[in-house]
Amino acid sequence: MEQISSMFIQVSSSDGKTKEVTYTKDNNYDEIWTFVKLFNSSKPYDDDRDTTHPTYICLFLNNGNKIKAWGGTQGFQEVSEGDKNYIFKSSKLDSYFKYLSLRYKP
């Protein structure tokens, strides 16, 4: 957690509306930690599905790097860090993305 400065969340609806929120480590430590724990417990998933996820999360690291994640549909998540892309499958992380989609529904 000491490497993370903030977490940006964007939720998109099917009609093109979006809602954005930024969590800071000072004010939203528990929310960021929840995502990090779920992300770290996810397992790699070998599937190349093509979908548009409604929820996007970007973790901003203190060194300027970003970890980007998309989820909320299909039961899998897409993650990128720099030029590397990964697919994960975690029912708990999927539930978290769906929770964010409802909490920040545009």
PDB file of N, CA and C in Angstrom:
ATOM      1  N   MET A   1       0.826  -1.199   0.000  1.00  0.00           N
ATOM      2  CA  MET A   1       0.000   0.000   0.000  1.00  0.00           C
ATOM      3  C   MET A   1       0.862   1.251   0.000  1.00  0.00           C
ATOM      4  N   GLU A   2       2.078   1.161   0.520  1.00  0.00           N
ATOM      5  CA  GLU A   2       2.900   2.359   0.574  1.00  0.00           C
ATOM      6  C   GLU A   2       3.274   2.876  -0.805  1.00  0.00           C
ATOM      7  N   GLN A   3       3.142   2.041  -1.835  1.00  0.00           N
ATOM      8  CA  GLN A   3       3.472   2.457  -3.192  1.00  0.00           C
ATOM      9  C   GLN A   3       2.312   3.151  -3.897  1.00  0.00           C
ATOM     10  N   ILE A   4       1.114   3.094  -3.329  1.00  0.00           N
ATOM     11  CA  ILE A   4      -0.081   3.637  -3.985  1.00  0.00           C
ATOM     12  C   ILE A   4      -0.388   5.025  -3.439  1.00  0.00           C
ATOM     13  N   SER A   5      -0.644   5.962  -4.344  1.00  0.00           N
ATOM     14  CA  SER A   5      -1.004   7.310  -3.908  1.00  0.00           C
ATOM     15  C   SER A   5      -2.510   7.547  -3.983  1.00  0.00           C
ATOM     16  N   SER A   6      -3.172   6.989  -5.003  1.00  0.00           N
ATOM     17  CA  SER A   6      -4.619   7.187  -5.145  1.00  0.00           C
ATOM     18  C   SER A   6      -5.207   6.139  -6.082  1.00  0.00           C
ATOM     19  N   MET A   7      -6.532   6.101  -6.128  1.00  0.00           N
ATOM     20  CA  MET A   7      -7.245   5.169  -7.000  1.00  0.00           C
ATOM     21  C   MET A   7      -8.388   5.929  -7.667  1.00  0.00           C
ATOM     22  N   PHE A   8      -8.412   5.901  -8.978  1.00  0.00           N
ATOM     23  CA  PHE A   8      -9.441   6.553  -9.782  1.00  0.00           C
ATOM     24  C   PHE A   8     -10.435   5.499 -10.242  1.00  0.00           C
ATOM     25  N   ILE A   9     -11.731   5.804 -10.155  1.00  0.00           N
ATOM     26  CA  ILE A   9     -12.784   4.881 -10.582  1.00  0.00           C
ATOM     27  C   ILE A   9     -13.682   5.595 -11.570  1.00  0.00           C
ATOM     28  N   GLN A  10     -13.989   4.929 -12.668  1.00  0.00           N
ATOM     29  CA  GLN A  10     -14.937   5.460 -13.643  1.00  0.00           C
ATOM     30  C   GLN A  10     -15.950   4.369 -13.959  1.00  0.00           C
ATOM     31  N   VAL A  11     -17.234   4.701 -13.823  1.00  0.00           N
ATOM     32  CA  VAL A  11     -18.315   3.764 -14.131  1.00  0.00           C
ATOM     33  C   VAL A  11     -19.070   4.322 -15.321  1.00  0.00           C
ATOM     34  N   SER A  12     -19.279   3.474 -16.328  1.00  0.00           N
ATOM     35  CA  SER A  12     -19.997   3.878 -17.536  1.00  0.00           C
ATOM     36  C   SER A  12     -21.309   3.127 -17.640  1.00  0.00           C
ATOM     37  N   SER A  13     -22.328   3.815 -18.124  1.00  0.00           N
ATOM     38  CA  SER A  13     -23.624   3.173 -18.353  1.00  0.00           C
ATOM     39  C   SER A  13     -23.777   2.866 -19.835  1.00  0.00           C
ATOM     40  N   SER A  14     -24.757   2.053 -20.164  1.00  0.00           N
ATOM     41  CA  SER A  14     -24.968   1.656 -21.558  1.00  0.00           C
ATOM     42  C   SER A  14     -25.377   2.835 -22.438  1.00  0.00           C
ATOM     43  N   ASP A  15     -25.876   3.910 -21.833  1.00  0.00           N
ATOM     44  CA  ASP A  15     -26.261   5.082 -22.632  1.00  0.00           C
ATOM     45  C   ASP A  15     -25.141   6.113 -22.752  1.00  0.00           C
ATOM     46  N   GLY A  16     -23.922   5.731 -22.349  1.00  0.00           N
ATOM     47  CA  GLY A  16     -22.761   6.590 -22.537  1.00  0.00           C
ATOM     48  C   GLY A  16     -22.464   7.550 -21.394  1.00  0.00           C
ATOM     49  N   LYS A  17     -23.283   7.558 -20.355  1.00  0.00           N
ATOM     50  CA  LYS A  17     -23.016   8.424 -19.204  1.00  0.00           C
ATOM     51  C   LYS A  17     -21.908   7.805 -18.351  1.00  0.00           C
ATOM     52  N   THR A  18     -21.138   8.668 -17.702  1.00  0.00           N
ATOM     53  CA  THR A  18     -20.083   8.182 -16.816  1.00  0.00           C
ATOM     54  C   THR A  18     -20.124   8.924 -15.488  1.00  0.00           C
ATOM     55  N   LYS A  19     -19.602   8.267 -14.483  1.00  0.00           N
ATOM     56  CA  LYS A  19     -19.410   8.889 -13.178  1.00  0.00           C
ATOM     57  C   LYS A  19     -18.001   8.553 -12.730  1.00  0.00           C
ATOM     58  N   GLU A  20     -17.308   9.543 -12.200  1.00  0.00           N
ATOM     59  CA  GLU A  20     -15.923   9.360 -11.802  1.00  0.00           C
ATOM     60  C   GLU A  20     -15.733   9.751 -10.342  1.00  0.00           C
ATOM     61  N   VAL A  21     -14.851   9.028  -9.675  1.00  0.00           N
ATOM     62  CA  VAL A  21     -14.522   9.321  -8.281  1.00  0.00           C
ATOM     63  C   VAL A  21     -13.044   8.974  -8.073  1.00  0.00           C
ATOM     64  N   THR A  22     -12.382   9.738  -7.221  1.00  0.00           N
ATOM     65  CA  THR A  22     -10.991   9.461  -6.889  1.00  0.00           C
ATOM     66  C   THR A  22     -10.873   9.213  -5.396  1.00  0.00           C
ATOM     67  N   TYR A  23     -10.255   8.086  -5.058  1.00  0.00           N
ATOM     68  CA  TYR A  23      -9.961   7.758  -3.669  1.00  0.00           C
ATOM     69  C   TYR A  23      -8.505   8.156  -3.408  1.00  0.00           C
ATOM     70  N   THR A  24      -8.248   8.790  -2.282  1.00  0.00           N
ATOM     71  CA  THR A  24      -6.878   9.077  -1.877  1.00  0.00           C
ATOM     72  C   THR A  24      -6.512   8.176  -0.710  1.00  0.00           C
ATOM     73  N   LYS A  25      -5.233   7.896  -0.605  1.00  0.00           N
ATOM     74  CA  LYS A  25      -4.796   6.999   0.459  1.00  0.00           C
ATOM     75  C   LYS A  25      -5.088   7.592   1.837  1.00  0.00           C
ATOM     76  N   ASP A  26      -4.983   8.893   1.969  1.00  0.00           N
ATOM     77  CA  ASP A  26      -5.241   9.536   3.262  1.00  0.00           C
ATOM     78  C   ASP A  26      -6.714   9.468   3.660  1.00  0.00           C
ATOM     79  N   ASN A  27      -7.613   9.620   2.693  1.00  0.00           N
ATOM     80  CA  ASN A  27      -9.045   9.680   3.000  1.00  0.00           C
ATOM     81  C   ASN A  27      -9.804   8.385   2.764  1.00  0.00           C
ATOM     82  N   ASN A  28      -9.269   7.485   1.935  1.00  0.00           N
ATOM     83  CA  ASN A  28     -10.006   6.281   1.539  1.00  0.00           C
ATOM     84  C   ASN A  28      -9.134   5.029   1.605  1.00  0.00           C
ATOM     85  N   TYR A  29      -8.304   4.947   2.603  1.00  0.00           N
ATOM     86  CA  TYR A  29      -7.364   3.841   2.730  1.00  0.00           C
ATOM     87  C   TYR A  29      -8.071   2.484   2.668  1.00  0.00           C
ATOM     88  N   ASP A  30      -9.164   2.323   3.423  1.00  0.00           N
ATOM     89  CA  ASP A  30      -9.862   1.032   3.471  1.00  0.00           C
ATOM     90  C   ASP A  30     -10.421   0.630   2.118  1.00  0.00           C
ATOM     91  N   GLU A  31     -10.965   1.572   1.364  1.00  0.00           N
ATOM     92  CA  GLU A  31     -11.517   1.259   0.047  1.00  0.00           C
ATOM     93  C   GLU A  31     -10.418   0.805  -0.917  1.00  0.00           C
ATOM     94  N   ILE A  32      -9.288   1.514  -0.886  1.00  0.00           N
ATOM     95  CA  ILE A  32      -8.170   1.131  -1.752  1.00  0.00           C
ATOM     96  C   ILE A  32      -7.629  -0.236  -1.327  1.00  0.00           C
ATOM     97  N   TRP A  33      -7.473  -0.460  -0.040  1.00  0.00           N
ATOM     98  CA  TRP A  33      -6.949  -1.715   0.473  1.00  0.00           C
ATOM     99  C   TRP A  33      -7.854  -2.885   0.094  1.00  0.00           C
ATOM    100  N   THR A  34      -9.168  -2.675   0.110  1.00  0.00           N
ATOM    101  CA  THR A  34     -10.105  -3.725  -0.298  1.00  0.00           C
ATOM    102  C   THR A  34      -9.822  -4.155  -1.733  1.00  0.00           C
ATOM    103  N   PHE A  35      -9.677  -3.195  -2.647  1.00  0.00           N
ATOM    104  CA  PHE A  35      -9.383  -3.529  -4.038  1.00  0.00           C
ATOM    105  C   PHE A  35      -8.048  -4.256  -4.151  1.00  0.00           C
ATOM    106  N   VAL A  36      -7.026  -3.757  -3.484  1.00  0.00           N
ATOM    107  CA  VAL A  36      -5.695  -4.367  -3.564  1.00  0.00           C
ATOM    108  C   VAL A  36      -5.726  -5.818  -3.080  1.00  0.00           C
ATOM    109  N   LYS A  37      -6.396  -6.083  -1.969  1.00  0.00           N
ATOM    110  CA  LYS A  37      -6.487  -7.461  -1.457  1.00  0.00           C
ATOM    111  C   LYS A  37      -7.197  -8.373  -2.456  1.00  0.00           C
ATOM    112  N   LEU A  38      -8.310  -7.906  -3.023  1.00  0.00           N
ATOM    113  CA  LEU A  38      -9.043  -8.721  -3.986  1.00  0.00           C
ATOM    114  C   LEU A  38      -8.221  -8.952  -5.251  1.00  0.00           C
ATOM    115  N   PHE A  39      -7.557  -7.909  -5.710  1.00  0.00           N
ATOM    116  CA  PHE A  39      -6.703  -8.013  -6.896  1.00  0.00           C
ATOM    117  C   PHE A  39      -5.576  -9.010  -6.658  1.00  0.00           C
ATOM    118  N   ASN A  40      -4.919  -8.920  -5.518  1.00  0.00           N
ATOM    119  CA  ASN A  40      -3.791  -9.804  -5.221  1.00  0.00           C
ATOM    120  C   ASN A  40      -4.208 -11.263  -5.072  1.00  0.00           C
ATOM    121  N   SER A  41      -5.462 -11.523  -4.739  1.00  0.00           N
ATOM    122  CA  SER A  41      -5.919 -12.903  -4.586  1.00  0.00           C
ATOM    123  C   SER A  41      -6.486 -13.489  -5.888  1.00  0.00           C
ATOM    124  N   SER A  42      -6.524 -12.686  -6.945  1.00  0.00           N
ATOM    125  CA  SER A  42      -7.056 -13.147  -8.237  1.00  0.00           C
ATOM    126  C   SER A  42      -6.088 -14.100  -8.920  1.00  0.00           C
ATOM    127  N   LYS A  43      -6.650 -14.975  -9.736  1.00  0.00           N
ATOM    128  CA  LYS A  43      -5.862 -15.953 -10.472  1.00  0.00           C
ATOM    129  C   LYS A  43      -5.843 -15.605 -11.961  1.00  0.00           C
ATOM    130  N   PRO A  44      -4.706 -15.828 -12.620  1.00  0.00           N
ATOM    131  CA  PRO A  44      -4.658 -15.605 -14.076  1.00  0.00           C
ATOM    132  C   PRO A  44      -5.706 -16.466 -14.783  1.00  0.00           C
ATOM    133  N   TYR A  45      -6.224 -15.944 -15.859  1.00  0.00           N
ATOM    134  CA  TYR A  45      -7.285 -16.611 -16.610  1.00  0.00           C
ATOM    135  C   TYR A  45      -6.890 -16.624 -18.070  1.00  0.00           C
ATOM    136  N   ASP A  46      -6.872 -17.796 -18.671  1.00  0.00           N
ATOM    137  CA  ASP A  46      -6.430 -17.936 -20.055  1.00  0.00           C
ATOM    138  C   ASP A  46      -7.630 -17.943 -20.987  1.00  0.00           C
ATOM    139  N   ASP A  47      -8.092 -16.769 -21.316  1.00  0.00           N
ATOM    140  CA  ASP A  47      -9.227 -16.634 -22.228  1.00  0.00           C
ATOM    141  C   ASP A  47      -9.084 -15.289 -22.913  1.00  0.00           C
ATOM    142  N   ASP A  48      -9.474 -15.207 -24.148  1.00  0.00           N
ATOM    143  CA  ASP A  48      -9.317 -13.974 -24.903  1.00  0.00           C
ATOM    144  C   ASP A  48     -10.674 -13.446 -25.339  1.00  0.00           C
ATOM    145  N   ARG A  49     -11.548 -13.245 -24.389  1.00  0.00           N
ATOM    146  CA  ARG A  49     -12.864 -12.699 -24.701  1.00  0.00           C
ATOM    147  C   ARG A  49     -12.737 -11.218 -25.019  1.00  0.00           C
ATOM    148  N   ASP A  50     -13.673 -10.726 -25.775  1.00  0.00           N
ATOM    149  CA  ASP A  50     -13.694  -9.312 -26.103  1.00  0.00           C
ATOM    150  C   ASP A  50     -14.990  -8.720 -25.578  1.00  0.00           C
ATOM    151  N   THR A  51     -14.874  -7.816 -24.627  1.00  0.00           N
ATOM    152  CA  THR A  51     -16.058  -7.189 -24.053  1.00  0.00           C
ATOM    153  C   THR A  51     -15.705  -5.784 -23.618  1.00  0.00           C
ATOM    154  N   THR A  52     -16.708  -4.997 -23.351  1.00  0.00           N
ATOM    155  CA  THR A  52     -16.516  -3.670 -22.799  1.00  0.00           C
ATOM    156  C   THR A  52     -17.031  -3.689 -21.371  1.00  0.00           C
ATOM    157  N   HIS A  53     -16.119  -3.569 -20.440  1.00  0.00           N
ATOM    158  CA  HIS A  53     -16.486  -3.585 -19.032  1.00  0.00           C
ATOM    159  C   HIS A  53     -17.019  -2.214 -18.613  1.00  0.00           C
ATOM    160  N   PRO A  54     -18.016  -2.178 -17.736  1.00  0.00           N
ATOM    161  CA  PRO A  54     -18.585  -0.892 -17.329  1.00  0.00           C
ATOM    162  C   PRO A  54     -17.761  -0.144 -16.284  1.00  0.00           C
ATOM    163  N   THR A  55     -16.855  -0.833 -15.596  1.00  0.00           N
ATOM    164  CA  THR A  55     -16.117  -0.185 -14.522  1.00  0.00           C
ATOM    165  C   THR A  55     -14.617  -0.241 -14.779  1.00  0.00           C
ATOM    166  N   TYR A  56     -13.992   0.912 -14.626  1.00  0.00           N
ATOM    167  CA  TYR A  56     -12.554   1.071 -14.848  1.00  0.00           C
ATOM    168  C   TYR A  56     -11.931   1.597 -13.561  1.00  0.00           C
ATOM    169  N   ILE A  57     -10.813   1.012 -13.167  1.00  0.00           N
ATOM    170  CA  ILE A  57     -10.063   1.464 -11.995  1.00  0.00           C
ATOM    171  C   ILE A  57      -8.623   1.708 -12.417  1.00  0.00           C
ATOM    172  N   CYS A  58      -8.070   2.810 -11.934  1.00  0.00           N
ATOM    173  CA  CYS A  58      -6.659   3.087 -12.175  1.00  0.00           C
ATOM    174  C   CYS A  58      -5.990   3.364 -10.835  1.00  0.00           C
ATOM    175  N   LEU A  59      -5.007   2.550 -10.495  1.00  0.00           N
ATOM    176  CA  LEU A  59      -4.199   2.786  -9.297  1.00  0.00           C
ATOM    177  C   LEU A  59      -2.998   3.632  -9.710  1.00  0.00           C
ATOM    178  N   PHE A  60      -2.832   4.773  -9.064  1.00  0.00           N
ATOM    179  CA  PHE A  60      -1.688   5.637  -9.315  1.00  0.00           C
ATOM    180  C   PHE A  60      -0.618   5.325  -8.281  1.00  0.00           C
ATOM    181  N   LEU A  61       0.562   4.956  -8.764  1.00  0.00           N
ATOM    182  CA  LEU A  61       1.659   4.609  -7.875  1.00  0.00           C
ATOM    183  C   LEU A  61       2.547   5.823  -7.643  1.00  0.00           C
ATOM    184  N   ASN A  62       3.225   5.828  -6.526  1.00  0.00           N
ATOM    185  CA  ASN A  62       4.082   6.964  -6.174  1.00  0.00           C
ATOM    186  C   ASN A  62       5.206   7.201  -7.177  1.00  0.00           C
ATOM    187  N   ASN A  63       5.631   6.145  -7.879  1.00  0.00           N
ATOM    188  CA  ASN A  63       6.715   6.289  -8.852  1.00  0.00           C
ATOM    189  C   ASN A  63       6.216   6.778 -10.221  1.00  0.00           C
ATOM    190  N   GLY A  64       4.918   7.098 -10.318  1.00  0.00           N
ATOM    191  CA  GLY A  64       4.355   7.600 -11.578  1.00  0.00           C
ATOM    192  C   GLY A  64       3.725   6.526 -12.441  1.00  0.00           C
ATOM    193  N   ASN A  65       3.958   5.256 -12.146  1.00  0.00           N
ATOM    194  CA  ASN A  65       3.353   4.175 -12.913  1.00  0.00           C
ATOM    195  C   ASN A  65       1.875   4.039 -12.570  1.00  0.00           C
ATOM    196  N   LYS A  66       1.154   3.338 -13.439  1.00  0.00           N
ATOM    197  CA  LYS A  66      -0.279   3.109 -13.243  1.00  0.00           C
ATOM    198  C   LYS A  66      -0.590   1.635 -13.445  1.00  0.00           C
ATOM    199  N   ILE A  67      -1.523   1.137 -12.661  1.00  0.00           N
ATOM    200  CA  ILE A  67      -2.094  -0.190 -12.880  1.00  0.00           C
ATOM    201  C   ILE A  67      -3.559   0.038 -13.213  1.00  0.00           C
ATOM    202  N   LYS A  68      -3.968  -0.394 -14.404  1.00  0.00           N
ATOM    203  CA  LYS A  68      -5.332  -0.169 -14.870  1.00  0.00           C
ATOM    204  C   LYS A  68      -6.093  -1.484 -14.874  1.00  0.00           C
ATOM    205  N   ALA A  69      -7.355  -1.434 -14.439  1.00  0.00           N
ATOM    206  CA  ALA A  69      -8.167  -2.648 -14.384  1.00  0.00           C
ATOM    207  C   ALA A  69      -9.582  -2.338 -14.842  1.00  0.00           C
ATOM    208  N   TRP A  70     -10.171  -3.285 -15.565  1.00  0.00           N
ATOM    209  CA  TRP A  70     -11.542  -3.173 -16.047  1.00  0.00           C
ATOM    210  C   TRP A  70     -12.303  -4.408 -15.608  1.00  0.00           C
ATOM    211  N   GLY A  71     -13.567  -4.246 -15.244  1.00  0.00           N
ATOM    212  CA  GLY A  71     -14.362  -5.393 -14.835  1.00  0.00           C
ATOM    213  C   GLY A  71     -15.825  -5.035 -14.696  1.00  0.00           C
ATOM    214  N   GLY A  72     -16.598  -6.031 -14.240  1.00  0.00           N
ATOM    215  CA  GLY A  72     -18.016  -5.815 -13.999  1.00  0.00           C
ATOM    216  C   GLY A  72     -18.935  -6.609 -14.892  1.00  0.00           C
ATOM    217  N   THR A  73     -18.373  -7.311 -15.860  1.00  0.00           N
ATOM    218  CA  THR A  73     -19.181  -8.185 -16.715  1.00  0.00           C
ATOM    219  C   THR A  73     -18.389  -9.460 -16.998  1.00  0.00           C
ATOM    220  N   GLN A  74     -19.088 -10.487 -17.387  1.00  0.00           N
ATOM    221  CA  GLN A  74     -18.485 -11.734 -17.867  1.00  0.00           C
ATOM    222  C   GLN A  74     -17.705 -12.524 -16.822  1.00  0.00           C
ATOM    223  N   GLY A  75     -17.550 -12.017 -15.586  1.00  0.00           N
ATOM    224  CA  GLY A  75     -16.865 -12.768 -14.542  1.00  0.00           C
ATOM    225  C   GLY A  75     -15.354 -12.759 -14.622  1.00  0.00           C
ATOM    226  N   PHE A  76     -14.771 -11.971 -15.520  1.00  0.00           N
ATOM    227  CA  PHE A  76     -13.317 -11.865 -15.582  1.00  0.00           C
ATOM    228  C   PHE A  76     -12.924 -10.393 -15.616  1.00  0.00           C
ATOM    229  N   GLN A  77     -11.642 -10.134 -15.355  1.00  0.00           N
ATOM    230  CA  GLN A  77     -11.146  -8.778 -15.304  1.00  0.00           C
ATOM    231  C   GLN A  77      -9.928  -8.640 -16.207  1.00  0.00           C
ATOM    232  N   GLU A  78      -9.776  -7.466 -16.777  1.00  0.00           N
ATOM    233  CA  GLU A  78      -8.613  -7.168 -17.602  1.00  0.00           C
ATOM    234  C   GLU A  78      -7.751  -6.165 -16.863  1.00  0.00           C
ATOM    235  N   VAL A  79      -6.434  -6.394 -16.900  1.00  0.00           N
ATOM    236  CA  VAL A  79      -5.501  -5.536 -16.172  1.00  0.00           C
ATOM    237  C   VAL A  79      -4.332  -5.204 -17.082  1.00  0.00           C
ATOM    238  N   SER A  80      -3.876  -3.953 -16.998  1.00  0.00           N
ATOM    239  CA  SER A  80      -2.664  -3.586 -17.729  1.00  0.00           C
ATOM    240  C   SER A  80      -1.743  -2.800 -16.812  1.00  0.00           C
ATOM    241  N   GLU A  81      -0.466  -3.057 -16.996  1.00  0.00           N
ATOM    242  CA  GLU A  81       0.574  -2.319 -16.292  1.00  0.00           C
ATOM    243  C   GLU A  81       1.658  -2.028 -17.316  1.00  0.00           C
ATOM    244  N   GLY A  82       1.757  -0.772 -17.686  1.00  0.00           N
ATOM    245  CA  GLY A  82       2.688  -0.415 -18.752  1.00  0.00           C
ATOM    246  C   GLY A  82       2.248  -1.072 -20.047  1.00  0.00           C
ATOM    247  N   ASP A  83       3.142  -1.820 -20.678  1.00  0.00           N
ATOM    248  CA  ASP A  83       2.802  -2.491 -21.936  1.00  0.00           C
ATOM    249  C   ASP A  83       2.390  -3.950 -21.739  1.00  0.00           C
ATOM    250  N   LYS A  84       2.212  -4.369 -20.509  1.00  0.00           N
ATOM    251  CA  LYS A  84       1.803  -5.742 -20.210  1.00  0.00           C
ATOM    252  C   LYS A  84       0.306  -5.797 -19.926  1.00  0.00           C
ATOM    253  N   ASN A  85      -0.367  -6.797 -20.494  1.00  0.00           N
ATOM    254  CA  ASN A  85      -1.804  -6.982 -20.309  1.00  0.00           C
ATOM    255  C   ASN A  85      -2.075  -8.379 -19.754  1.00  0.00           C
ATOM    256  N   TYR A  86      -3.026  -8.446 -18.835  1.00  0.00           N
ATOM    257  CA  TYR A  86      -3.357  -9.701 -18.179  1.00  0.00           C
ATOM    258  C   TYR A  86      -4.869  -9.848 -18.094  1.00  0.00           C
ATOM    259  N   ILE A  87      -5.313 -11.094 -18.001  1.00  0.00           N
ATOM    260  CA  ILE A  87      -6.719 -11.387 -17.741  1.00  0.00           C
ATOM    261  C   ILE A  87      -6.765 -12.230 -16.465  1.00  0.00           C
ATOM    262  N   PHE A  88      -7.652 -11.846 -15.554  1.00  0.00           N
ATOM    263  CA  PHE A  88      -7.824 -12.545 -14.292  1.00  0.00           C
ATOM    264  C   PHE A  88      -9.275 -12.984 -14.165  1.00  0.00           C
ATOM    265  N   LYS A  89      -9.489 -13.997 -13.364  1.00  0.00           N
ATOM    266  CA  LYS A  89     -10.847 -14.424 -13.055  1.00  0.00           C
ATOM    267  C   LYS A  89     -10.955 -14.597 -11.550  1.00  0.00           C
ATOM    268  N   SER A  90     -11.813 -13.776 -10.960  1.00  0.00           N
ATOM    269  CA  SER A  90     -12.027 -13.824  -9.521  1.00  0.00           C
ATOM    270  C   SER A  90     -13.471 -13.440  -9.255  1.00  0.00           C
ATOM    271  N   SER A  91     -14.214 -14.340  -8.651  1.00  0.00           N
ATOM    272  CA  SER A  91     -15.616 -14.030  -8.363  1.00  0.00           C
ATOM    273  C   SER A  91     -15.717 -12.889  -7.346  1.00  0.00           C
ATOM    274  N   LYS A  92     -14.795 -12.829  -6.407  1.00  0.00           N
ATOM    275  CA  LYS A  92     -14.820 -11.755  -5.417  1.00  0.00           C
ATOM    276  C   LYS A  92     -14.481 -10.409  -6.049  1.00  0.00           C
ATOM    277  N   LEU A  93     -13.496 -10.391  -6.923  1.00  0.00           N
ATOM    278  CA  LEU A  93     -13.157  -9.144  -7.613  1.00  0.00           C
ATOM    279  C   LEU A  93     -14.280  -8.740  -8.558  1.00  0.00           C
ATOM    280  N   ASP A  94     -14.911  -9.722  -9.204  1.00  0.00           N
ATOM    281  CA  ASP A  94     -16.055  -9.437 -10.066  1.00  0.00           C
ATOM    282  C   ASP A  94     -17.188  -8.798  -9.260  1.00  0.00           C
ATOM    283  N   SER A  95     -17.449  -9.344  -8.086  1.00  0.00           N
ATOM    284  CA  SER A  95     -18.480  -8.774  -7.212  1.00  0.00           C
ATOM    285  C   SER A  95     -18.129  -7.354  -6.795  1.00  0.00           C
ATOM    286  N   TYR A  96     -16.859  -7.086  -6.560  1.00  0.00           N
ATOM    287  CA  TYR A  96     -16.423  -5.741  -6.182  1.00  0.00           C
ATOM    288  C   TYR A  96     -16.664  -4.754  -7.331  1.00  0.00           C
ATOM    289  N   PHE A  97     -16.308  -5.157  -8.548  1.00  0.00           N
ATOM    290  CA  PHE A  97     -16.556  -4.293  -9.706  1.00  0.00           C
ATOM    291  C   PHE A  97     -18.057  -4.026  -9.856  1.00  0.00           C
ATOM    292  N   LYS A  98     -18.876  -5.048  -9.678  1.00  0.00           N
ATOM    293  CA  LYS A  98     -20.331  -4.858  -9.776  1.00  0.00           C
ATOM    294  C   LYS A  98     -20.846  -3.942  -8.668  1.00  0.00           C
ATOM    295  N   TYR A  99     -20.283  -4.086  -7.476  1.00  0.00           N
ATOM    296  CA  TYR A  99     -20.634  -3.202  -6.372  1.00  0.00           C
ATOM    297  C   TYR A  99     -20.326  -1.745  -6.736  1.00  0.00           C
ATOM    298  N   LEU A 100     -19.124  -1.495  -7.294  1.00  0.00           N
ATOM    299  CA  LEU A 100     -18.778  -0.141  -7.704  1.00  0.00           C
ATOM    300  C   LEU A 100     -19.713   0.379  -8.785  1.00  0.00           C
ATOM    301  N   SER A 101     -20.108  -0.507  -9.713  1.00  0.00           N
ATOM    302  CA  SER A 101     -21.029  -0.109 -10.777  1.00  0.00           C
ATOM    303  C   SER A 101     -22.359   0.378 -10.220  1.00  0.00           C
ATOM    304  N   LEU A 102     -22.815  -0.272  -9.154  1.00  0.00           N
ATOM    305  CA  LEU A 102     -24.070   0.148  -8.524  1.00  0.00           C
ATOM    306  C   LEU A 102     -23.880   1.380  -7.645  1.00  0.00           C
ATOM    307  N   ARG A 103     -22.802   1.409  -6.892  1.00  0.00           N
ATOM    308  CA  ARG A 103     -22.546   2.526  -5.974  1.00  0.00           C
ATOM    309  C   ARG A 103     -22.350   3.850  -6.725  1.00  0.00           C
ATOM    310  N   TYR A 104     -21.676   3.793  -7.850  1.00  0.00           N
ATOM    311  CA  TYR A 104     -21.363   5.012  -8.606  1.00  0.00           C
ATOM    312  C   TYR A 104     -22.101   5.046  -9.943  1.00  0.00           C
ATOM    313  N   LYS A 105     -23.267   4.464  -9.989  1.00  0.00           N
ATOM    314  CA  LYS A 105     -24.036   4.425 -11.224  1.00  0.00           C
ATOM    315  C   LYS A 105     -24.289   5.843 -11.731  1.00  0.00           C
ATOM    316  N   PRO A 106     -23.961   6.104 -13.004  1.00  0.00           N
ATOM    317  CA  PRO A 106     -24.155   7.456 -13.557  1.00  0.00           C
ATOM    318  C   PRO A 106     -25.620   7.834 -13.671  1.00  0.00           C
TER     319      PRO A 106
END
